[in-house]
Amino acid sequence: MALATYVTRLAPFVIFSQHHERPLLKFVAKYTPPMVMTILVIYMLKGVQYNSVEGLYYILALLVTVFFHLLIKNALLSIFAGTLVYMIAIQI
C-alpha cells in the first residue's frame, strides 16, 4: 500500500518532468479557480430569500467581495472582506 501511495505521488513529477507547456494544462490552471468560485457563488445565492433583511446581507457581502477583488485582485483578501462584512451585518 505504501508503494502505491508513493507511485501516485511521484507520477506527476515523472510525467511532467519534460517542462513542456501543455495548452490543456495551462487552460485548466488558468480557468479552474474562477469557475469554482462562480459555482460556489451561484450555490450560495440559490437559497437566499431576497425579500428579507438577511437577503440584503448576502447581497452586501457579495458586492463588497466583488469590489475588493476588482480593487486589489487578491481572492483571499476579497473573500475575507466579504465574510467580515456579512458577519458584522448579522450581528447588528
PDB file of N, CA and C in Angstrom:
ATOM      1  N   MET A   1       0.815  -1.180   0.000  1.00  0.00           N
ATOM      2  CA  MET A   1       0.000   0.000   0.000  1.00  0.00           C
ATOM      3  C   MET A   1       0.871   1.260   0.000  1.00  0.00           C
ATOM      4  N   ALA A   2       1.945   1.226   0.736  1.00  0.00           N
ATOM      5  CA  ALA A   2       2.845   2.375   0.768  1.00  0.00           C
ATOM      6  C   ALA A   2       3.455   2.619  -0.605  1.00  0.00           C
ATOM      7  N   LEU A   3       3.762   1.550  -1.322  1.00  0.00           N
ATOM      8  CA  LEU A   3       4.323   1.688  -2.668  1.00  0.00           C
ATOM      9  C   LEU A   3       3.311   2.346  -3.609  1.00  0.00           C
ATOM     10  N   ALA A   4       2.059   1.949  -3.523  1.00  0.00           N
ATOM     11  CA  ALA A   4       1.020   2.542  -4.374  1.00  0.00           C
ATOM     12  C   ALA A   4       0.874   4.037  -4.081  1.00  0.00           C
ATOM     13  N   THR A   5       0.915   4.403  -2.828  1.00  0.00           N
ATOM     14  CA  THR A   5       0.824   5.812  -2.460  1.00  0.00           C
ATOM     15  C   THR A   5       2.027   6.579  -2.988  1.00  0.00           C
ATOM     16  N   TYR A   6       3.198   6.020  -2.836  1.00  0.00           N
ATOM     17  CA  TYR A   6       4.417   6.671  -3.301  1.00  0.00           C
ATOM     18  C   TYR A   6       4.404   6.847  -4.818  1.00  0.00           C
ATOM     19  N   VAL A   7       3.968   5.824  -5.541  1.00  0.00           N
ATOM     20  CA  VAL A   7       3.937   5.892  -7.006  1.00  0.00           C
ATOM     21  C   VAL A   7       2.948   6.960  -7.471  1.00  0.00           C
ATOM     22  N   THR A   8       1.789   7.037  -6.841  1.00  0.00           N
ATOM     23  CA  THR A   8       0.817   8.052  -7.258  1.00  0.00           C
ATOM     24  C   THR A   8       1.287   9.468  -6.923  1.00  0.00           C
ATOM     25  N   ARG A   9       2.076   9.615  -5.893  1.00  0.00           N
ATOM     26  CA  ARG A   9       2.627  10.936  -5.571  1.00  0.00           C
ATOM     27  C   ARG A   9       3.773  11.304  -6.508  1.00  0.00           C
ATOM     28  N   LEU A  10       4.528  10.323  -6.955  1.00  0.00           N
ATOM     29  CA  LEU A  10       5.686  10.558  -7.802  1.00  0.00           C
ATOM     30  C   LEU A  10       5.316  10.690  -9.278  1.00  0.00           C
ATOM     31  N   ALA A  11       4.222  10.082  -9.698  1.00  0.00           N
ATOM     32  CA  ALA A  11       3.851  10.023 -11.118  1.00  0.00           C
ATOM     33  C   ALA A  11       3.754  11.394 -11.790  1.00  0.00           C
ATOM     34  N   PRO A  12       3.104  12.392 -11.222  1.00  0.00           N
ATOM     35  CA  PRO A  12       3.036  13.684 -11.921  1.00  0.00           C
ATOM     36  C   PRO A  12       4.402  14.314 -12.173  1.00  0.00           C
ATOM     37  N   PHE A  13       5.329  14.129 -11.247  1.00  0.00           N
ATOM     38  CA  PHE A  13       6.654  14.702 -11.438  1.00  0.00           C
ATOM     39  C   PHE A  13       7.404  13.998 -12.562  1.00  0.00           C
ATOM     40  N   VAL A  14       7.218  12.713 -12.678  1.00  0.00           N
ATOM     41  CA  VAL A  14       7.873  11.955 -13.748  1.00  0.00           C
ATOM     42  C   VAL A  14       7.225  12.278 -15.092  1.00  0.00           C
ATOM     43  N   ILE A  15       5.906  12.319 -15.125  1.00  0.00           N
ATOM     44  CA  ILE A  15       5.191  12.558 -16.382  1.00  0.00           C
ATOM     45  C   ILE A  15       5.442  13.970 -16.902  1.00  0.00           C
ATOM     46  N   PHE A  16       5.426  14.952 -16.029  1.00  0.00           N
ATOM     47  CA  PHE A  16       5.564  16.344 -16.455  1.00  0.00           C
ATOM     48  C   PHE A  16       6.977  16.893 -16.269  1.00  0.00           C
ATOM     49  N   SER A  17       7.972  16.038 -16.199  1.00  0.00           N
ATOM     50  CA  SER A  17       9.343  16.490 -15.966  1.00  0.00           C
ATOM     51  C   SER A  17       9.997  17.086 -17.205  1.00  0.00           C
ATOM     52  N   GLN A  18       9.366  16.981 -18.358  1.00  0.00           N
ATOM     53  CA  GLN A  18       9.975  17.477 -19.590  1.00  0.00           C
ATOM     54  C   GLN A  18       9.822  18.988 -19.746  1.00  0.00           C
ATOM     55  N   HIS A  19       9.097  19.630 -18.880  1.00  0.00           N
ATOM     56  CA  HIS A  19       8.908  21.083 -18.867  1.00  0.00           C
ATOM     57  C   HIS A  19       8.239  21.613 -20.126  1.00  0.00           C
ATOM     58  N   HIS A  20       7.424  20.818 -20.763  1.00  0.00           N
ATOM     59  CA  HIS A  20       6.659  21.295 -21.908  1.00  0.00           C
ATOM     60  C   HIS A  20       5.381  21.941 -21.397  1.00  0.00           C
ATOM     61  N   GLU A  21       5.074  23.088 -21.956  1.00  0.00           N
ATOM     62  CA  GLU A  21       3.829  23.759 -21.600  1.00  0.00           C
ATOM     63  C   GLU A  21       2.697  23.146 -22.411  1.00  0.00           C
ATOM     64  N   ARG A  22       1.855  22.403 -21.763  1.00  0.00           N
ATOM     65  CA  ARG A  22       0.721  21.796 -22.446  1.00  0.00           C
ATOM     66  C   ARG A  22      -0.451  22.774 -22.429  1.00  0.00           C
ATOM     67  N   PRO A  23      -1.060  23.022 -23.592  1.00  0.00           N
ATOM     68  CA  PRO A  23      -2.155  24.006 -23.656  1.00  0.00           C
ATOM     69  C   PRO A  23      -3.338  23.651 -22.754  1.00  0.00           C
ATOM     70  N   LEU A  24      -3.699  22.377 -22.693  1.00  0.00           N
ATOM     71  CA  LEU A  24      -4.828  21.986 -21.857  1.00  0.00           C
ATOM     72  C   LEU A  24      -4.527  22.235 -20.383  1.00  0.00           C
ATOM     73  N   LEU A  25      -3.322  21.909 -19.957  1.00  0.00           N
ATOM     74  CA  LEU A  25      -2.946  22.119 -18.562  1.00  0.00           C
ATOM     75  C   LEU A  25      -2.913  23.608 -18.215  1.00  0.00           C
ATOM     76  N   LYS A  26      -2.424  24.431 -19.139  1.00  0.00           N
ATOM     77  CA  LYS A  26      -2.423  25.876 -18.912  1.00  0.00           C
ATOM     78  C   LYS A  26      -3.846  26.416 -18.812  1.00  0.00           C
ATOM     79  N   PHE A  27      -4.744  25.902 -19.666  1.00  0.00           N
ATOM     80  CA  PHE A  27      -6.141  26.327 -19.643  1.00  0.00           C
ATOM     81  C   PHE A  27      -6.788  25.965 -18.311  1.00  0.00           C
ATOM     82  N   VAL A  28      -6.577  24.733 -17.878  1.00  0.00           N
ATOM     83  CA  VAL A  28      -7.168  24.271 -16.617  1.00  0.00           C
ATOM     84  C   VAL A  28      -6.622  25.082 -15.444  1.00  0.00           C
ATOM     85  N   ALA A  29      -5.323  25.337 -15.430  1.00  0.00           N
ATOM     86  CA  ALA A  29      -4.721  26.095 -14.335  1.00  0.00           C
ATOM     87  C   ALA A  29      -5.213  27.540 -14.305  1.00  0.00           C
ATOM     88  N   LYS A  30      -5.495  28.091 -15.475  1.00  0.00           N
ATOM     89  CA  LYS A  30      -5.915  29.489 -15.540  1.00  0.00           C
ATOM     90  C   LYS A  30      -7.388  29.677 -15.192  1.00  0.00           C
ATOM     91  N   TYR A  31      -8.249  28.762 -15.658  1.00  0.00           N
ATOM     92  CA  TYR A  31      -9.688  28.995 -15.554  1.00  0.00           C
ATOM     93  C   TYR A  31     -10.406  28.188 -14.473  1.00  0.00           C
ATOM     94  N   THR A  32      -9.762  27.238 -13.851  1.00  0.00           N
ATOM     95  CA  THR A  32     -10.445  26.457 -12.826  1.00  0.00           C
ATOM     96  C   THR A  32     -10.806  27.283 -11.584  1.00  0.00           C
ATOM     97  N   PRO A  33      -9.902  28.079 -11.023  1.00  0.00           N
ATOM     98  CA  PRO A  33     -10.289  28.848  -9.830  1.00  0.00           C
ATOM     99  C   PRO A  33     -11.483  29.784 -10.050  1.00  0.00           C
ATOM    100  N   PRO A  34     -11.524  30.567 -11.144  1.00  0.00           N
ATOM    101  CA  PRO A  34     -12.718  31.403 -11.330  1.00  0.00           C
ATOM    102  C   PRO A  34     -13.995  30.587 -11.536  1.00  0.00           C
ATOM    103  N   MET A  35     -13.884  29.444 -12.207  1.00  0.00           N
ATOM    104  CA  MET A  35     -15.069  28.608 -12.416  1.00  0.00           C
ATOM    105  C   MET A  35     -15.584  28.050 -11.092  1.00  0.00           C
ATOM    106  N   VAL A  36     -14.684  27.607 -10.242  1.00  0.00           N
ATOM    107  CA  VAL A  36     -15.084  27.062  -8.943  1.00  0.00           C
ATOM    108  C   VAL A  36     -15.725  28.155  -8.090  1.00  0.00           C
ATOM    109  N   MET A  37     -15.141  29.352  -8.087  1.00  0.00           N
ATOM    110  CA  MET A  37     -15.714  30.453  -7.313  1.00  0.00           C
ATOM    111  C   MET A  37     -17.099  30.828  -7.837  1.00  0.00           C
ATOM    112  N   THR A  38     -17.282  30.818  -9.149  1.00  0.00           N
ATOM    113  CA  THR A  38     -18.592  31.127  -9.727  1.00  0.00           C
ATOM    114  C   THR A  38     -19.629  30.100  -9.298  1.00  0.00           C
ATOM    115  N   ILE A  39     -19.263  28.837  -9.332  1.00  0.00           N
ATOM    116  CA  ILE A  39     -20.180  27.779  -8.905  1.00  0.00           C
ATOM    117  C   ILE A  39     -20.546  27.947  -7.430  1.00  0.00           C
ATOM    118  N   LEU A  40     -19.570  28.274  -6.597  1.00  0.00           N
ATOM    119  CA  LEU A  40     -19.849  28.469  -5.173  1.00  0.00           C
ATOM    120  C   LEU A  40     -20.769  29.664  -4.929  1.00  0.00           C
ATOM    121  N   VAL A  41     -20.573  30.742  -5.675  1.00  0.00           N
ATOM    122  CA  VAL A  41     -21.435  31.920  -5.519  1.00  0.00           C
ATOM    123  C   VAL A  41     -22.858  31.596  -5.945  1.00  0.00           C
ATOM    124  N   ILE A  42     -23.016  30.915  -7.072  1.00  0.00           N
ATOM    125  CA  ILE A  42     -24.354  30.537  -7.536  1.00  0.00           C
ATOM    126  C   ILE A  42     -25.023  29.615  -6.523  1.00  0.00           C
ATOM    127  N   TYR A  43     -24.273  28.662  -5.990  1.00  0.00           N
ATOM    128  CA  TYR A  43     -24.823  27.749  -4.987  1.00  0.00           C
ATOM    129  C   TYR A  43     -25.251  28.512  -3.734  1.00  0.00           C
ATOM    130  N   MET A  44     -24.453  29.486  -3.336  1.00  0.00           N
ATOM    131  CA  MET A  44     -24.771  30.266  -2.147  1.00  0.00           C
ATOM    132  C   MET A  44     -26.017  31.121  -2.369  1.00  0.00           C
ATOM    133  N   LEU A  45     -26.163  31.689  -3.553  1.00  0.00           N
ATOM    134  CA  LEU A  45     -27.271  32.606  -3.814  1.00  0.00           C
ATOM    135  C   LEU A  45     -28.590  31.911  -4.129  1.00  0.00           C
ATOM    136  N   LYS A  46     -28.568  30.615  -4.405  1.00  0.00           N
ATOM    137  CA  LYS A  46     -29.803  29.942  -4.816  1.00  0.00           C
ATOM    138  C   LYS A  46     -30.806  29.788  -3.674  1.00  0.00           C
ATOM    139  N   GLY A  47     -30.360  29.766  -2.453  1.00  0.00           N
ATOM    140  CA  GLY A  47     -31.265  29.567  -1.331  1.00  0.00           C
ATOM    141  C   GLY A  47     -31.605  30.832  -0.559  1.00  0.00           C
ATOM    142  N   VAL A  48     -31.184  31.977  -1.068  1.00  0.00           N
ATOM    143  CA  VAL A  48     -31.389  33.231  -0.349  1.00  0.00           C
ATOM    144  C   VAL A  48     -32.805  33.747  -0.591  1.00  0.00           C
ATOM    145  N   GLN A  49     -33.447  34.172   0.477  1.00  0.00           N
ATOM    146  CA  GLN A  49     -34.751  34.831   0.358  1.00  0.00           C
ATOM    147  C   GLN A  49     -34.492  36.333   0.281  1.00  0.00           C
ATOM    148  N   TYR A  50     -34.674  36.883  -0.905  1.00  0.00           N
ATOM    149  CA  TYR A  50     -34.309  38.277  -1.136  1.00  0.00           C
ATOM    150  C   TYR A  50     -35.311  39.273  -0.559  1.00  0.00           C
ATOM    151  N   ASN A  51     -36.457  38.804  -0.116  1.00  0.00           N
ATOM    152  CA  ASN A  51     -37.436  39.720   0.459  1.00  0.00           C
ATOM    153  C   ASN A  51     -37.253  39.901   1.967  1.00  0.00           C
ATOM    154  N   SER A  52     -36.158  39.394   2.507  1.00  0.00           N
ATOM    155  CA  SER A  52     -35.874  39.559   3.934  1.00  0.00           C
ATOM    156  C   SER A  52     -34.609  40.398   4.112  1.00  0.00           C
ATOM    157  N   VAL A  53     -34.377  40.798   5.344  1.00  0.00           N
ATOM    158  CA  VAL A  53     -33.179  41.585   5.652  1.00  0.00           C
ATOM    159  C   VAL A  53     -31.923  40.742   5.454  1.00  0.00           C
ATOM    160  N   GLU A  54     -32.023  39.457   5.747  1.00  0.00           N
ATOM    161  CA  GLU A  54     -30.862  38.582   5.581  1.00  0.00           C
ATOM    162  C   GLU A  54     -30.426  38.513   4.116  1.00  0.00           C
ATOM    163  N   GLY A  55     -31.362  38.588   3.204  1.00  0.00           N
ATOM    164  CA  GLY A  55     -31.025  38.619   1.780  1.00  0.00           C
ATOM    165  C   GLY A  55     -30.199  39.841   1.438  1.00  0.00           C
ATOM    166  N   LEU A  56     -30.512  40.959   2.089  1.00  0.00           N
ATOM    167  CA  LEU A  56     -29.734  42.181   1.890  1.00  0.00           C
ATOM    168  C   LEU A  56     -28.298  41.990   2.372  1.00  0.00           C
ATOM    169  N   TYR A  57     -28.122  41.256   3.458  1.00  0.00           N
ATOM    170  CA  TYR A  57     -26.773  40.997   3.970  1.00  0.00           C
ATOM    171  C   TYR A  57     -25.950  40.186   2.966  1.00  0.00           C
ATOM    172  N   TYR A  58     -26.585  39.197   2.339  1.00  0.00           N
ATOM    173  CA  TYR A  58     -25.895  38.405   1.326  1.00  0.00           C
ATOM    174  C   TYR A  58     -25.459  39.278   0.152  1.00  0.00           C
ATOM    175  N   ILE A  59     -26.374  40.113  -0.315  1.00  0.00           N
ATOM    176  CA  ILE A  59     -26.073  40.989  -1.450  1.00  0.00           C
ATOM    177  C   ILE A  59     -24.960  41.965  -1.086  1.00  0.00           C
ATOM    178  N   LEU A  60     -25.024  42.533   0.110  1.00  0.00           N
ATOM    179  CA  LEU A  60     -23.992  43.466   0.561  1.00  0.00           C
ATOM    180  C   LEU A  60     -22.629  42.781   0.627  1.00  0.00           C
ATOM    181  N   ALA A  61     -22.576  41.593   1.189  1.00  0.00           N
ATOM    182  CA  ALA A  61     -21.312  40.856   1.280  1.00  0.00           C
ATOM    183  C   ALA A  61     -20.783  40.507  -0.107  1.00  0.00           C
ATOM    184  N   LEU A  62     -21.672  40.130  -1.013  1.00  0.00           N
ATOM    185  CA  LEU A  62     -21.255  39.812  -2.380  1.00  0.00           C
ATOM    186  C   LEU A  62     -20.689  41.044  -3.075  1.00  0.00           C
ATOM    187  N   LEU A  63     -21.354  42.183  -2.922  1.00  0.00           N
ATOM    188  CA  LEU A  63     -20.866  43.415  -3.550  1.00  0.00           C
ATOM    189  C   LEU A  63     -19.514  43.846  -2.980  1.00  0.00           C
ATOM    190  N   VAL A  64     -19.343  43.705  -1.672  1.00  0.00           N
ATOM    191  CA  VAL A  64     -18.052  44.040  -1.055  1.00  0.00           C
ATOM    192  C   VAL A  64     -16.958  43.117  -1.585  1.00  0.00           C
ATOM    193  N   THR A  65     -17.269  41.839  -1.710  1.00  0.00           N
ATOM    194  CA  THR A  65     -16.289  40.879  -2.225  1.00  0.00           C
ATOM    195  C   THR A  65     -15.890  41.222  -3.650  1.00  0.00           C
ATOM    196  N   VAL A  66     -16.866  41.507  -4.493  1.00  0.00           N
ATOM    197  CA  VAL A  66     -16.572  41.862  -5.890  1.00  0.00           C
ATOM    198  C   VAL A  66     -15.775  43.161  -5.949  1.00  0.00           C
ATOM    199  N   PHE A  67     -16.176  44.158  -5.162  1.00  0.00           N
ATOM    200  CA  PHE A  67     -15.464  45.434  -5.151  1.00  0.00           C
ATOM    201  C   PHE A  67     -14.001  45.255  -4.747  1.00  0.00           C
ATOM    202  N   PHE A  68     -13.773  44.537  -3.663  1.00  0.00           N
ATOM    203  CA  PHE A  68     -12.399  44.330  -3.210  1.00  0.00           C
ATOM    204  C   PHE A  68     -11.589  43.532  -4.223  1.00  0.00           C
ATOM    205  N   HIS A  69     -12.226  42.560  -4.861  1.00  0.00           N
ATOM    206  CA  HIS A  69     -11.482  41.771  -5.842  1.00  0.00           C
ATOM    207  C   HIS A  69     -11.110  42.617  -7.057  1.00  0.00           C
ATOM    208  N   LEU A  70     -12.008  43.481  -7.496  1.00  0.00           N
ATOM    209  CA  LEU A  70     -11.678  44.363  -8.615  1.00  0.00           C
ATOM    210  C   LEU A  70     -10.637  45.398  -8.217  1.00  0.00           C
ATOM    211  N   LEU A  71     -10.637  45.782  -6.949  1.00  0.00           N
ATOM    212  CA  LEU A  71      -9.711  46.804  -6.476  1.00  0.00           C
ATOM    213  C   LEU A  71      -8.306  46.248  -6.233  1.00  0.00           C
ATOM    214  N   ILE A  72      -8.195  45.130  -5.509  1.00  0.00           N
ATOM    215  CA  ILE A  72      -6.871  44.640  -5.109  1.00  0.00           C
ATOM    216  C   ILE A  72      -6.447  43.350  -5.788  1.00  0.00           C
ATOM    217  N   LYS A  73      -7.343  42.687  -6.503  1.00  0.00           N
ATOM    218  CA  LYS A  73      -7.034  41.469  -7.272  1.00  0.00           C
ATOM    219  C   LYS A  73      -6.441  40.342  -6.419  1.00  0.00           C
ATOM    220  N   ASN A  74      -6.933  40.214  -5.196  1.00  0.00           N
ATOM    221  CA  ASN A  74      -6.475  39.148  -4.318  1.00  0.00           C
ATOM    222  C   ASN A  74      -7.705  38.404  -3.802  1.00  0.00           C
ATOM    223  N   ALA A  75      -7.879  37.173  -4.261  1.00  0.00           N
ATOM    224  CA  ALA A  75      -9.092  36.415  -3.941  1.00  0.00           C
ATOM    225  C   ALA A  75      -9.237  36.180  -2.441  1.00  0.00           C
ATOM    226  N   LEU A  76      -8.159  35.847  -1.773  1.00  0.00           N
ATOM    227  CA  LEU A  76      -8.237  35.547  -0.343  1.00  0.00           C
ATOM    228  C   LEU A  76      -8.686  36.766   0.464  1.00  0.00           C
ATOM    229  N   LEU A  77      -8.092  37.917   0.187  1.00  0.00           N
ATOM    230  CA  LEU A  77      -8.486  39.129   0.908  1.00  0.00           C
ATOM    231  C   LEU A  77      -9.905  39.558   0.551  1.00  0.00           C
ATOM    232  N   SER A  78     -10.295  39.358  -0.691  1.00  0.00           N
ATOM    233  CA  SER A  78     -11.651  39.710  -1.115  1.00  0.00           C
ATOM    234  C   SER A  78     -12.682  38.855  -0.396  1.00  0.00           C
ATOM    235  N   ILE A  79     -12.442  37.563  -0.336  1.00  0.00           N
ATOM    236  CA  ILE A  79     -13.359  36.654   0.350  1.00  0.00           C
ATOM    237  C   ILE A  79     -13.407  36.980   1.839  1.00  0.00           C
ATOM    238  N   PHE A  80     -12.258  37.270   2.416  1.00  0.00           N
ATOM    239  CA  PHE A  80     -12.212  37.636   3.830  1.00  0.00           C
ATOM    240  C   PHE A  80     -13.010  38.911   4.091  1.00  0.00           C
ATOM    241  N   ALA A  81     -12.877  39.911   3.225  1.00  0.00           N
ATOM    242  CA  ALA A  81     -13.604  41.173   3.406  1.00  0.00           C
ATOM    243  C   ALA A  81     -15.112  40.949   3.321  1.00  0.00           C
ATOM    244  N   GLY A  82     -15.554  40.178   2.341  1.00  0.00           N
ATOM    245  CA  GLY A  82     -16.978  39.890   2.213  1.00  0.00           C
ATOM    246  C   GLY A  82     -17.520  39.121   3.402  1.00  0.00           C
ATOM    247  N   THR A  83     -16.752  38.148   3.868  1.00  0.00           N
ATOM    248  CA  THR A  83     -17.164  37.367   5.038  1.00  0.00           C
ATOM    249  C   THR A  83     -17.232  38.249   6.276  1.00  0.00           C
ATOM    250  N   LEU A  84     -16.264  39.121   6.433  1.00  0.00           N
ATOM    251  CA  LEU A  84     -16.249  40.036   7.574  1.00  0.00           C
ATOM    252  C   LEU A  84     -17.470  40.958   7.557  1.00  0.00           C
ATOM    253  N   VAL A  85     -17.784  41.506   6.393  1.00  0.00           N
ATOM    254  CA  VAL A  85     -18.961  42.381   6.282  1.00  0.00           C
ATOM    255  C   VAL A  85     -20.228  41.611   6.624  1.00  0.00           C
ATOM    256  N   TYR A  86     -20.344  40.386   6.134  1.00  0.00           N
ATOM    257  CA  TYR A  86     -21.533  39.581   6.426  1.00  0.00           C
ATOM    258  C   TYR A  86     -21.634  39.277   7.920  1.00  0.00           C
ATOM    259  N   MET A  87     -20.520  38.892   8.534  1.00  0.00           N
ATOM    260  CA  MET A  87     -20.538  38.560   9.960  1.00  0.00           C
ATOM    261  C   MET A  87     -20.890  39.775  10.814  1.00  0.00           C
ATOM    262  N   ILE A  88     -20.384  40.931  10.445  1.00  0.00           N
ATOM    263  CA  ILE A  88     -20.730  42.152  11.179  1.00  0.00           C
ATOM    264  C   ILE A  88     -22.202  42.495  10.964  1.00  0.00           C
ATOM    265  N   ALA A  89     -22.688  42.341   9.739  1.00  0.00           N
ATOM    266  CA  ALA A  89     -24.075  42.696   9.417  1.00  0.00           C
ATOM    267  C   ALA A  89     -25.075  41.827  10.178  1.00  0.00           C
ATOM    268  N   ILE A  90     -24.796  40.549  10.315  1.00  0.00           N
ATOM    269  CA  ILE A  90     -25.768  39.694  11.007  1.00  0.00           C
ATOM    270  C   ILE A  90     -25.743  39.897  12.519  1.00  0.00           C
ATOM    271  N   GLN A  91     -24.690  40.519  13.038  1.00  0.00           N
ATOM    272  CA  GLN A  91     -24.612  40.780  14.473  1.00  0.00           C
ATOM    273  C   GLN A  91     -25.286  42.089  14.864  1.00  0.00           C
ATOM    274  N   ILE A  92     -25.509  42.943  13.891  1.00  0.00           N
ATOM    275  CA  ILE A  92     -26.109  44.264  14.172  1.00  0.00           C
ATOM    276  C   ILE A  92     -27.609  44.134  14.292  1.00  0.00           C
TER     277      ILE A  92
END
